[in-house]
């Protein structure tokens, strides 16, 4: 069979379209796509590849999210790449993250491989040709066609075109401005305005103290409280290592390991001693705002880590509450009214601007029309292999990161696996690989992609029906367990009978 590495990369005419061929196509130039391109280039240097990005530049979420204060909600020692030291504060602004990604692109000559303004519309697999045919559309409506041997989906999981906003009664009657952080207007002036932010997660916590610097007042309206970690925006261990004159990459690796260990302990304790951990988290908030405010507005009804825990660098939102520029209200919305929001308690929150920080819509495989041998892909009917490959879908990997740890950590585990798989296919002379259930797996119980008892974030629960199924065995699950996967992924036997080559 012809090796994957020896495919022709010249443009060819197919059905009156100019079609360009690449051995690997990466979809998305966000944190996942840029990192995956780096690993592909370094671990499979003989592969031709292209990165298609729908937006006008790299960055993904960090480009599309332009609301006030946009920043990471996990530390950059683990959200950053293992090969590129992070030297700034652990929680970083979106612009700082894009600067870091831009340096990775420049230092590794990745720019020539990225096509911006190319939104993938369809991906069609042919088993006869062992090829994907991909159609992308540019902003002016032109179509570009590509073929690829292997498709690497790194498009993230947010639908950037629209955020999630509930349909509350009376919204049309509100005389002010309603804006979702996903589509924040660049010219929205909130100076000296009364702003209500609906939501209790990381986005609301990020926006509130920043908007409060210029607004007349900010009210954060939440239906129910969430957990926060209020901590200095500095890493003590990193500060201890800096004066020792160690290599930056070594320092980065040591700090990364320490952060992962600390977060793993928090995750473990959320299952083993949730009440104790809860009290510790609440005590950290209480140090800023007092016991009464914690009891009224910061005591969730669920155990820690059933939803993401938002990090407050230097306790910034709590400091704003303490200073009186931000207020917390815990209540439910009865309706919007011309002057603001009427709550079920009867209270009215007057507002000039209402920000609906109410979550995001899940993007499943980039909202791309997938067809496998003439049949539309029913992604929710597939079974996932380690949250990366899927039964009945050849020559494709999907990057879906961790929900408790930093997304990038799983991106790089998957990159190592995919590159090893591509090299293994070359060694075998194979042009096709897919995963299939073993005979002993056919009767195993199947369940949703993420166990709701494990994690029940709103965007996951709303989109769970669109996602693949998981089995009751570790290899047929997206376990969300970094400490197991960091050892399991490198040990995957690529000749295991779960893999079918051709």
Protein backbone atom coordinates (compact mmCIF):
# COMPACT_ATOMS: atom_id res chain seq x y z
CA UNK A 1 0.00 0.00 0.00
CA UNK A 2 1.09 3.58 -0.56
CA UNK A 3 2.48 5.21 2.56
CA UNK A 4 0.69 8.17 4.10
CA UNK A 5 3.90 10.22 3.85
CA UNK A 6 4.21 9.95 0.08
CA UNK A 7 0.95 11.57 -1.01
CA UNK A 8 1.20 14.28 -3.68
CA UNK A 9 0.72 17.78 -2.20
CA UNK A 10 0.32 19.66 -5.51
CA UNK A 11 -3.01 21.30 -6.45
CA UNK A 12 -5.10 19.00 -8.65
CA UNK A 13 -8.28 19.67 -10.63
CA UNK A 14 -11.26 17.69 -9.37
CA UNK A 15 -14.71 18.18 -10.84
CA UNK A 16 -13.86 21.64 -12.17
CA UNK A 17 -12.59 22.79 -8.76
CA UNK A 18 -8.97 23.48 -7.89
CA UNK A 19 -8.35 21.08 -5.02
CA UNK A 20 -5.29 21.21 -2.80
CA UNK A 21 -4.14 18.07 -1.06
CA UNK A 22 -2.46 17.80 2.34
CA UNK A 23 -1.66 14.74 4.36
CA UNK A 24 -3.06 16.31 7.54
CA UNK A 25 -5.66 19.04 7.95
CA UNK A 26 -6.01 20.78 11.31
CA UNK A 27 -9.28 22.66 11.79
CA UNK A 28 -8.90 25.67 14.07
CA UNK A 29 -6.04 28.00 15.01
CA UNK A 30 -6.90 28.47 18.66
CA UNK A 31 -4.91 27.15 21.60
CA UNK A 32 -5.53 23.54 20.44
CA UNK A 33 -4.82 24.03 16.75
CA UNK A 34 -1.60 26.02 17.21
CA UNK A 35 -0.27 23.53 19.75
CA UNK A 36 -1.22 20.56 17.57
CA UNK A 37 0.47 22.14 14.53
CA UNK A 38 3.67 22.55 16.56
CA UNK A 39 3.67 18.90 17.63
CA UNK A 40 2.83 17.69 14.13
CA UNK A 41 5.73 19.69 12.69
CA UNK A 42 8.21 18.49 15.30
CA UNK A 43 7.09 14.86 15.65
CA UNK A 44 6.11 14.22 12.01
CA UNK A 45 8.39 16.61 10.13
CA UNK A 46 7.82 14.98 6.73
CA UNK A 47 4.05 15.53 6.71
CA UNK A 48 2.40 18.18 4.60
CA UNK A 49 -0.32 19.97 6.56
CA UNK A 50 -2.61 22.94 6.59
CA UNK A 51 -4.52 24.71 9.37
CA UNK A 52 -7.90 26.19 8.43
CA UNK A 53 -9.21 28.94 10.68
CA UNK A 54 -12.62 30.60 10.27
CA UNK A 55 -11.65 33.85 11.98
CA UNK A 56 -9.38 36.57 10.63
CA UNK A 57 -6.48 35.61 12.88
CA UNK A 58 -5.30 33.04 15.42
CA UNK A 59 -6.49 32.80 19.00
CA UNK A 60 -9.88 31.10 18.91
CA UNK A 61 -11.73 32.04 22.09
CA UNK A 62 -9.09 34.65 22.89
CA UNK A 63 -9.85 36.46 19.65
CA UNK A 64 -13.62 36.08 19.51
CA UNK A 65 -14.30 36.93 23.18
CA UNK A 66 -13.85 40.68 23.49
CA UNK A 67 -15.90 41.47 26.55
CA UNK A 68 -14.38 43.69 29.25
CA UNK A 69 -11.63 41.96 31.22
CA UNK A 70 -11.46 38.76 29.14
CA UNK A 71 -8.88 36.50 30.81
CA UNK A 72 -8.03 32.87 31.44
CA UNK A 73 -9.90 31.00 34.15
CA UNK A 74 -7.05 28.55 34.69
CA UNK A 75 -3.37 29.22 35.25
CA UNK A 76 -1.06 29.74 32.29
CA UNK A 77 1.59 27.34 33.55
CA UNK A 78 -0.79 24.54 32.61
CA UNK A 79 -2.94 26.35 30.05
CA UNK A 80 0.26 27.31 28.25
CA UNK A 81 2.21 24.74 26.25
CA UNK A 82 4.74 22.42 27.84
CA UNK A 83 7.36 23.45 25.26
CA UNK A 84 6.99 27.24 25.65
CA UNK A 85 7.68 28.68 29.13
CA UNK A 86 5.11 31.06 30.55
CA UNK A 87 6.79 33.94 32.38
CA UNK A 88 3.86 36.19 33.31
CA UNK A 89 1.17 36.11 36.00
CA UNK A 90 -0.73 32.81 36.31
CA UNK A 91 -4.09 34.33 35.31
CA UNK A 92 -3.59 36.27 32.09
CA UNK A 93 -5.62 38.62 29.90
CA UNK A 94 -6.79 37.46 26.49
CA UNK A 95 -4.33 39.81 24.74
CA UNK A 96 -1.42 38.31 26.69
CA UNK A 97 -2.47 34.80 25.72
CA UNK A 98 -2.65 35.78 22.03
CA UNK A 99 0.80 37.38 22.29
CA UNK A 100 2.12 34.10 23.69
CA UNK A 101 0.45 32.10 20.90
CA UNK A 102 1.80 34.53 18.31
CA UNK A 103 5.30 33.91 19.58
CA UNK A 104 4.80 30.16 19.19
CA UNK A 105 3.63 30.67 15.59
CA UNK A 106 6.56 32.95 14.76
CA UNK A 107 9.27 30.92 16.49
CA UNK A 108 8.21 27.71 14.75
CA UNK A 109 7.37 29.03 11.27
CA UNK A 110 3.74 27.94 11.51
CA UNK A 111 2.22 31.01 9.83
CA UNK A 112 2.78 29.74 6.29
CA UNK A 113 0.60 26.72 7.05
CA UNK A 114 -2.41 28.65 8.41
CA UNK A 115 -5.24 29.82 6.14
CA UNK A 116 -7.33 32.45 7.91
CA UNK A 117 -10.89 33.31 6.94
CA UNK A 118 -11.60 29.73 5.88
CA UNK A 119 -14.71 28.34 7.55
CA UNK A 120 -15.09 24.62 6.97
CA UNK A 121 -18.59 23.84 5.76
CA UNK A 122 -18.41 20.15 4.90
CA UNK A 123 -16.14 17.13 5.26
CA UNK A 124 -16.82 14.05 3.14
CA UNK A 125 -15.00 10.76 3.66
CA UNK A 126 -14.54 8.25 0.86
CA UNK A 127 -13.45 4.74 1.83
CA UNK A 128 -12.79 4.01 -1.84
CA UNK A 129 -10.15 6.76 -1.98
CA UNK A 130 -9.24 6.82 1.74
CA UNK A 131 -9.58 10.59 1.60
CA UNK A 132 -11.44 13.44 3.22
CA UNK A 133 -12.77 16.10 0.85
CA UNK A 134 -13.20 19.37 2.71
CA UNK A 135 -15.05 22.44 1.48
CA UNK A 136 -14.31 25.77 3.15
CA UNK A 137 -15.93 29.15 2.61
CA UNK A 138 -14.24 32.54 2.85
CA UNK A 139 -15.85 35.73 4.13
CA UNK A 140 -16.70 36.87 0.57
CA UNK A 141 -18.53 33.61 -0.13
CA UNK A 142 -15.86 31.93 -2.23
CA UNK A 143 -15.43 28.18 -1.85
CA UNK A 144 -12.11 26.37 -1.49
CA UNK A 145 -11.74 22.62 -1.75
CA UNK A 146 -9.11 20.46 -0.10
CA UNK A 147 -8.41 16.78 0.30
CA UNK A 148 -6.63 15.31 3.29
CA UNK A 149 -5.65 11.88 4.49
CA UNK A 150 -6.21 12.73 8.16
CA UNK A 151 -8.50 15.27 9.81
CA UNK A 152 -7.52 16.76 13.17
CA UNK A 153 -10.42 18.68 14.73
CA UNK A 154 -9.17 21.48 17.00
CA UNK A 155 -12.05 23.91 16.65
CA UNK A 156 -12.90 24.16 20.35
CA UNK A 157 -16.32 23.72 21.87
CA UNK A 158 -17.94 27.17 21.83
CA UNK A 159 -20.23 28.29 19.04
CA UNK A 160 -18.70 31.71 18.59
CA UNK A 161 -21.56 33.06 16.49
CA UNK A 162 -23.94 33.14 19.44
CA UNK A 163 -23.94 32.76 23.19
CA UNK A 164 -26.64 31.12 25.26
CA UNK A 165 -29.33 33.52 26.49
CA UNK A 166 -32.56 32.25 28.07
CA UNK A 167 -35.81 33.64 26.66
CA UNK A 168 -37.07 35.68 29.60
CA UNK A 169 -40.50 37.33 29.50
CA UNK A 170 -40.53 40.98 28.50
CA UNK A 171 -37.03 41.19 27.05
CA UNK A 172 -38.25 43.25 24.09
CA UNK A 173 -39.70 45.86 26.46
CA UNK A 174 -36.35 46.77 28.03
CA UNK A 175 -35.33 50.27 26.93
CA UNK A 176 -31.61 49.78 27.45
CA UNK A 177 -29.00 47.56 25.82
CA UNK A 178 -28.85 43.76 26.22
CA UNK A 179 -25.47 42.26 25.33
CA UNK A 180 -24.04 38.76 25.60
CA UNK A 181 -20.28 38.49 26.28
CA UNK A 182 -19.92 36.19 23.25
CA UNK A 183 -21.04 39.04 20.98
CA UNK A 184 -20.00 42.07 23.03
CA UNK A 185 -20.30 45.28 20.96
CA UNK A 186 -16.92 46.99 20.59
CA UNK A 187 -18.51 50.43 20.91
CA UNK A 188 -20.67 49.75 23.97
CA UNK A 189 -20.07 52.59 26.42
CA UNK A 190 -20.87 51.68 30.01
CA UNK A 191 -19.25 54.71 31.62
CA UNK A 192 -21.51 56.12 34.36
CA UNK A 193 -24.19 53.55 33.44
CA UNK A 194 -26.07 51.14 35.69
CA UNK A 195 -25.04 47.65 34.62
CA UNK A 196 -26.64 44.35 35.60
CA UNK A 197 -24.64 41.22 34.83
CA UNK A 198 -26.73 38.05 34.85
CA UNK A 199 -24.66 35.01 35.77
CA UNK A 200 -22.47 33.53 38.45
CA UNK A 201 -19.58 31.89 36.62
CA UNK A 202 -16.13 32.95 35.48
CA UNK A 203 -17.41 35.37 32.83
CA UNK A 204 -19.54 37.36 35.27
CA UNK A 205 -16.74 37.34 37.83
CA UNK A 206 -14.29 38.58 35.19
CA UNK A 207 -16.49 41.38 33.86
CA UNK A 208 -17.82 42.78 37.14
CA UNK A 209 -14.69 44.39 38.63
CA UNK A 210 -13.52 45.73 35.25
CA UNK A 211 -16.86 47.28 34.29
CA UNK A 212 -17.24 48.66 37.84
CA UNK A 213 -14.20 50.90 37.35
CA UNK A 214 -16.19 53.09 34.95
CA UNK A 215 -19.85 52.22 35.50
CA UNK A 216 -22.13 54.04 37.95
CA UNK A 217 -22.71 50.68 39.61
CA UNK A 218 -22.60 46.97 38.75
CA UNK A 219 -25.04 44.38 40.06
CA UNK A 220 -24.28 40.71 39.60
CA UNK A 221 -27.58 38.82 39.50
CA UNK A 222 -27.30 35.09 40.05
CA UNK A 223 -29.93 32.41 40.29
CA UNK A 224 -27.71 30.37 42.61
CA UNK A 225 -24.18 30.76 44.03
CA UNK A 226 -21.01 29.19 42.69
CA UNK A 227 -17.62 28.38 44.18
CA UNK A 228 -14.65 30.71 43.85
CA UNK A 229 -10.98 30.49 44.66
CA UNK A 230 -9.66 33.89 45.70
CA UNK A 231 -5.87 33.90 45.51
CA UNK A 232 -2.96 36.21 44.65
CA UNK A 233 -2.22 36.41 40.95
CA UNK A 234 1.28 35.05 41.45
CA UNK A 235 2.73 31.58 41.86
CA UNK A 236 4.73 31.30 45.07
CA UNK A 237 6.71 28.29 43.84
CA UNK A 238 7.64 30.12 40.64
CA UNK A 239 8.83 33.12 42.65
CA UNK A 240 11.00 30.82 44.77
CA UNK A 241 12.60 29.22 41.70
CA UNK A 242 13.30 32.41 39.73
CA UNK A 243 16.38 33.56 41.70
CA UNK A 244 18.07 30.17 41.28
CA UNK A 245 19.05 30.85 37.68
CA UNK A 246 17.50 27.66 36.35
CA UNK A 247 16.62 27.15 32.70
CA UNK A 248 13.22 28.72 31.95
CA UNK A 249 11.85 25.52 30.46
CA UNK A 250 12.85 23.56 33.58
CA UNK A 251 11.20 26.16 35.83
CA UNK A 252 8.08 26.04 33.66
CA UNK A 253 7.97 22.24 33.90
CA UNK A 254 8.46 22.20 37.68
CA UNK A 255 5.80 24.84 38.29
CA UNK A 256 3.44 23.06 35.88
CA UNK A 257 3.84 19.81 37.83
CA UNK A 258 3.22 21.58 41.13
CA UNK A 259 0.06 23.29 39.83
CA UNK A 260 -1.29 20.02 38.43
CA UNK A 261 -0.61 18.25 41.72
CA UNK A 262 -2.36 20.96 43.72
CA UNK A 263 -5.40 20.92 41.42
CA UNK A 264 -5.55 17.13 41.55
CA UNK A 265 -5.68 17.30 45.34
CA UNK A 266 -8.60 19.74 45.16
CA UNK A 267 -10.42 17.46 42.70
CA UNK A 268 -9.80 14.39 44.86
CA UNK A 269 -10.99 16.19 47.98
CA UNK A 270 -14.14 17.35 46.16
CA UNK A 271 -15.16 13.67 46.09
CA UNK A 272 -13.61 12.41 49.33
CA UNK A 273 -14.25 15.32 51.70
CA UNK A 274 -16.52 17.79 49.91
CA UNK A 275 -17.82 19.42 53.10
CA UNK A 276 -14.32 20.22 54.37
CA UNK A 277 -13.20 21.56 51.00
CA UNK A 278 -16.37 23.62 50.70
CA UNK A 279 -15.73 25.28 54.05
CA UNK A 280 -12.16 26.10 53.04
CA UNK A 281 -13.29 27.71 49.79
CA UNK A 282 -16.00 29.70 51.56
CA UNK A 283 -13.51 30.86 54.19
CA UNK A 284 -11.35 32.33 51.45
CA UNK A 285 -14.30 34.40 50.22
CA UNK A 286 -15.37 35.32 53.73
CA UNK A 287 -11.98 36.95 54.34
CA UNK A 288 -13.03 39.63 51.83
CA UNK A 289 -16.78 40.10 52.25
CA UNK A 290 -17.74 38.69 55.65
CA UNK A 291 -19.83 35.77 56.86
CA UNK A 292 -23.26 37.29 56.16
CA UNK A 293 -22.51 37.94 52.49
CA UNK A 294 -21.04 34.45 52.11
CA UNK A 295 -24.14 32.88 53.63
CA UNK A 296 -26.47 34.86 51.35
CA UNK A 297 -24.58 34.89 48.05
CA UNK A 298 -21.59 32.53 48.04
CA UNK A 299 -22.74 29.20 49.47
CA UNK A 300 -23.63 26.75 46.66
CA UNK A 301 -26.01 23.84 47.12
CA UNK A 302 -23.73 21.36 45.29
CA UNK A 303 -20.36 19.87 46.14
CA UNK A 304 -17.25 21.60 44.77
CA UNK A 305 -16.24 20.79 41.18
CA UNK A 306 -19.60 19.59 39.92
CA UNK A 307 -19.22 22.81 37.97
CA UNK A 308 -16.08 24.81 37.26
CA UNK A 309 -14.59 26.71 40.18
CA UNK A 310 -13.86 30.27 39.08
CA UNK A 311 -10.53 31.78 40.07
CA UNK A 312 -10.54 35.37 41.31
CA UNK A 313 -7.00 36.75 40.91
CA UNK A 314 -6.23 38.90 43.96
CA UNK A 315 -9.92 38.45 44.86
CA UNK A 316 -10.73 41.29 42.44
CA UNK A 317 -14.51 40.86 42.32
CA UNK A 318 -14.64 40.48 46.10
CA UNK A 319 -12.59 43.63 46.53
CA UNK A 320 -15.08 45.47 44.31
CA UNK A 321 -17.96 44.18 46.46
CA UNK A 322 -16.07 45.29 49.55
CA UNK A 323 -15.59 48.74 48.02
CA UNK A 324 -19.29 49.05 47.15
CA UNK A 325 -18.91 49.34 43.38
CA UNK A 326 -20.34 45.82 42.83
CA UNK A 327 -23.41 44.29 44.50
CA UNK A 328 -24.50 40.66 44.54
CA UNK A 329 -28.16 39.68 44.26
CA UNK A 330 -29.34 36.07 44.50
CA UNK A 331 -32.83 35.75 43.08
CA UNK A 332 -34.76 34.62 40.01
CA UNK A 333 -36.01 36.74 37.15
CA UNK A 334 -39.75 37.21 36.86
CA UNK A 335 -39.56 39.44 33.77
CA UNK A 336 -37.72 42.21 32.03
CA UNK A 337 -39.43 45.59 32.27
CA UNK A 338 -38.66 48.88 30.48
CA UNK A 339 -36.44 50.13 33.30
CA UNK A 340 -34.67 46.86 34.08
CA UNK A 341 -35.52 43.52 35.66
CA UNK A 342 -38.29 42.55 38.06
CA UNK A 343 -37.28 39.68 40.34
CA UNK A 344 -39.53 37.01 41.78
CA UNK A 345 -39.00 38.56 45.21
CA UNK A 346 -40.67 41.72 43.87
CA UNK A 347 -37.45 43.74 43.83
CA UNK A 348 -36.67 45.78 40.71
CA UNK A 349 -33.13 46.13 39.43
CA UNK A 350 -32.89 49.29 37.36
CA UNK A 351 -30.38 49.13 34.53
CA UNK A 352 -29.10 50.91 31.46
CA UNK A 353 -27.19 47.84 30.26
CA UNK A 354 -27.90 44.16 30.94
CA UNK A 355 -25.09 41.70 30.23
CA UNK A 356 -26.29 38.12 29.87
CA UNK A 357 -23.28 36.13 31.09
CA UNK A 358 -25.49 33.06 31.02
CA UNK A 359 -23.24 30.61 29.23
CA UNK A 360 -22.34 29.37 25.80
CA UNK A 361 -23.69 27.02 23.18
CA UNK A 362 -21.74 23.87 22.47
CA UNK A 363 -20.04 23.61 19.11
CA UNK A 364 -19.87 19.95 18.09
CA UNK A 365 -17.24 19.22 15.44
CA UNK A 366 -17.35 22.81 14.27
CA UNK A 367 -21.01 22.58 13.14
CA UNK A 368 -19.58 21.00 9.98
CA UNK A 369 -21.66 18.75 7.73
CA UNK A 370 -19.87 15.40 7.95
CA UNK A 371 -20.62 12.61 5.50
CA UNK A 372 -19.11 9.12 5.70
CA UNK A 373 -19.35 7.13 2.45
CA UNK A 374 -22.47 8.95 1.37
CA UNK A 375 -24.23 8.87 4.76
CA UNK A 376 -24.50 11.92 7.05
CA UNK A 377 -22.58 11.37 10.26
CA UNK A 378 -24.82 10.87 13.31
CA UNK A 379 -22.12 11.81 15.79
CA UNK A 380 -24.30 11.09 18.83
CA UNK A 381 -24.68 7.48 17.71
CA UNK A 382 -20.93 6.82 17.74
CA UNK A 383 -18.99 5.55 20.74
CA UNK A 384 -15.93 7.46 21.79
CA UNK A 385 -12.48 5.93 22.05
CA UNK A 386 -10.82 7.88 24.89
CA UNK A 387 -12.64 11.03 23.81
CA UNK A 388 -10.40 11.27 20.73
CA UNK A 389 -11.59 8.85 18.02
CA UNK A 390 -15.05 7.51 17.25
CA UNK A 391 -16.54 4.29 15.96
CA UNK A 392 -17.36 4.49 12.26
CA UNK A 393 -15.30 7.65 11.65
CA UNK A 394 -11.99 6.87 9.90
CA UNK A 395 -8.83 8.98 9.96
CA UNK A 396 -10.07 11.62 12.36
CA UNK A 397 -9.15 12.82 15.85
CA UNK A 398 -11.06 15.37 17.95
CA UNK A 399 -9.51 17.52 20.65
CA UNK A 400 -11.79 17.92 23.66
CA UNK A 401 -9.82 18.94 26.72
CA UNK A 402 -10.30 18.80 30.46
CA UNK A 403 -13.13 20.53 32.27
CA UNK A 404 -11.33 20.73 35.62
CA UNK A 405 -7.71 20.95 34.55
CA UNK A 406 -6.38 23.16 31.78
CA UNK A 407 -7.61 22.31 28.29
CA UNK A 408 -4.11 22.42 26.82
CA UNK A 409 -2.81 19.56 28.93
CA UNK A 410 -5.07 17.14 27.10
CA UNK A 411 -4.40 18.83 23.76
CA UNK A 412 -0.77 17.81 24.08
CA UNK A 413 -1.52 14.25 25.22
CA UNK A 414 -3.73 13.88 22.15
CA UNK A 415 -1.05 15.45 19.92
CA UNK A 416 1.49 12.88 21.06
CA UNK A 417 -1.02 10.10 20.39
CA UNK A 418 -2.02 11.36 16.93
CA UNK A 419 1.59 11.87 15.82
CA UNK A 420 2.51 8.41 17.05
CA UNK A 421 -0.51 7.01 15.18
CA UNK A 422 0.46 8.79 11.94
CA UNK A 423 4.01 7.46 12.16
CA UNK A 424 2.72 3.98 12.94
CA UNK A 425 0.48 4.08 9.88
CA UNK A 426 3.50 4.92 7.75
CA UNK A 427 5.43 2.01 9.19
CA UNK A 428 2.53 -0.31 8.37
CA UNK A 429 1.94 1.21 4.94
CA UNK A 430 -1.65 1.93 6.03
CA UNK A 431 -3.77 4.74 4.62
CA UNK A 432 -6.74 4.28 6.91
CA UNK A 433 -7.42 3.73 10.61
CA UNK A 434 -10.60 3.65 12.61
CA UNK A 435 -11.69 2.31 15.96
CA UNK A 436 -14.26 -0.45 16.42
CA UNK A 437 -15.83 -2.17 19.38
CA UNK A 438 -14.38 -5.57 20.15
CA UNK A 439 -16.86 -8.49 20.22
CA UNK A 440 -16.72 -8.40 24.04
CA UNK A 441 -17.66 -4.69 24.01
CA UNK A 442 -20.85 -4.91 21.98
CA UNK A 443 -23.12 -5.51 24.95
CA UNK A 444 -21.51 -3.07 27.37
CA UNK A 445 -23.79 -0.39 28.82
CA UNK A 446 -23.60 2.97 27.05
CA UNK A 447 -24.11 6.35 28.66
CA UNK A 448 -23.72 10.09 27.97
CA UNK A 449 -20.36 11.63 27.04
CA UNK A 450 -19.96 13.20 30.52
CA UNK A 451 -21.51 11.67 33.64
CA UNK A 452 -23.78 14.41 35.11
CA UNK A 453 -22.88 13.21 38.60
CA UNK A 454 -19.26 13.98 37.77
CA UNK A 455 -19.71 17.34 36.03
CA UNK A 456 -22.91 19.18 35.14
CA UNK A 457 -21.91 22.49 33.59
CA UNK A 458 -24.83 24.09 31.77
CA UNK A 459 -23.29 24.10 28.27
CA UNK A 460 -22.46 20.39 28.57
CA UNK A 461 -25.93 19.46 29.81
CA UNK A 462 -27.62 21.48 27.04
CA UNK A 463 -25.49 19.88 24.33
CA UNK A 464 -25.00 16.38 25.75
CA UNK A 465 -27.50 14.87 23.30
CA UNK A 466 -25.25 15.93 20.40
CA UNK A 467 -22.16 14.22 21.76
CA UNK A 468 -20.96 10.61 21.33
CA UNK A 469 -21.75 7.87 23.79
CA UNK A 470 -19.34 6.39 26.29
CA UNK A 471 -19.02 2.80 27.43
CA UNK A 472 -18.36 1.39 30.89
CA UNK A 473 -14.69 0.65 30.15
CA UNK A 474 -11.96 3.30 30.45
CA UNK A 475 -10.89 3.10 26.79
CA UNK A 476 -14.46 3.90 25.72
CA UNK A 477 -14.72 7.03 27.86
CA UNK A 478 -13.51 10.59 28.08
CA UNK A 479 -12.55 10.13 31.72
CA UNK A 480 -11.48 13.71 32.55
CA UNK A 481 -8.71 12.10 34.59
CA UNK A 482 -5.35 13.65 33.66
CA UNK A 483 -3.38 11.62 36.19
CA UNK A 484 -4.48 8.37 34.58
CA UNK A 485 -4.36 9.59 31.00
CA UNK A 486 -0.82 10.97 31.23
CA UNK A 487 0.35 7.37 31.75
CA UNK A 488 -2.29 5.57 29.69
CA UNK A 489 -1.96 7.57 26.46
CA UNK A 490 1.77 6.94 25.88
CA UNK A 491 1.19 3.25 26.67
CA UNK A 492 -1.61 2.73 24.10
CA UNK A 493 -0.78 -0.29 21.97
CA UNK A 494 -1.39 0.92 18.41
CA UNK A 495 -1.72 -2.70 17.28
CA UNK A 496 -4.51 -3.38 19.76
CA UNK A 497 -7.49 -4.97 18.03
CA UNK A 498 -9.57 -1.85 18.73
CA UNK A 499 -7.71 -0.22 15.82
CA UNK A 500 -8.62 -1.31 12.28
CA UNK A 501 -6.09 -0.43 9.57
CA UNK A 502 -6.42 -0.53 5.84
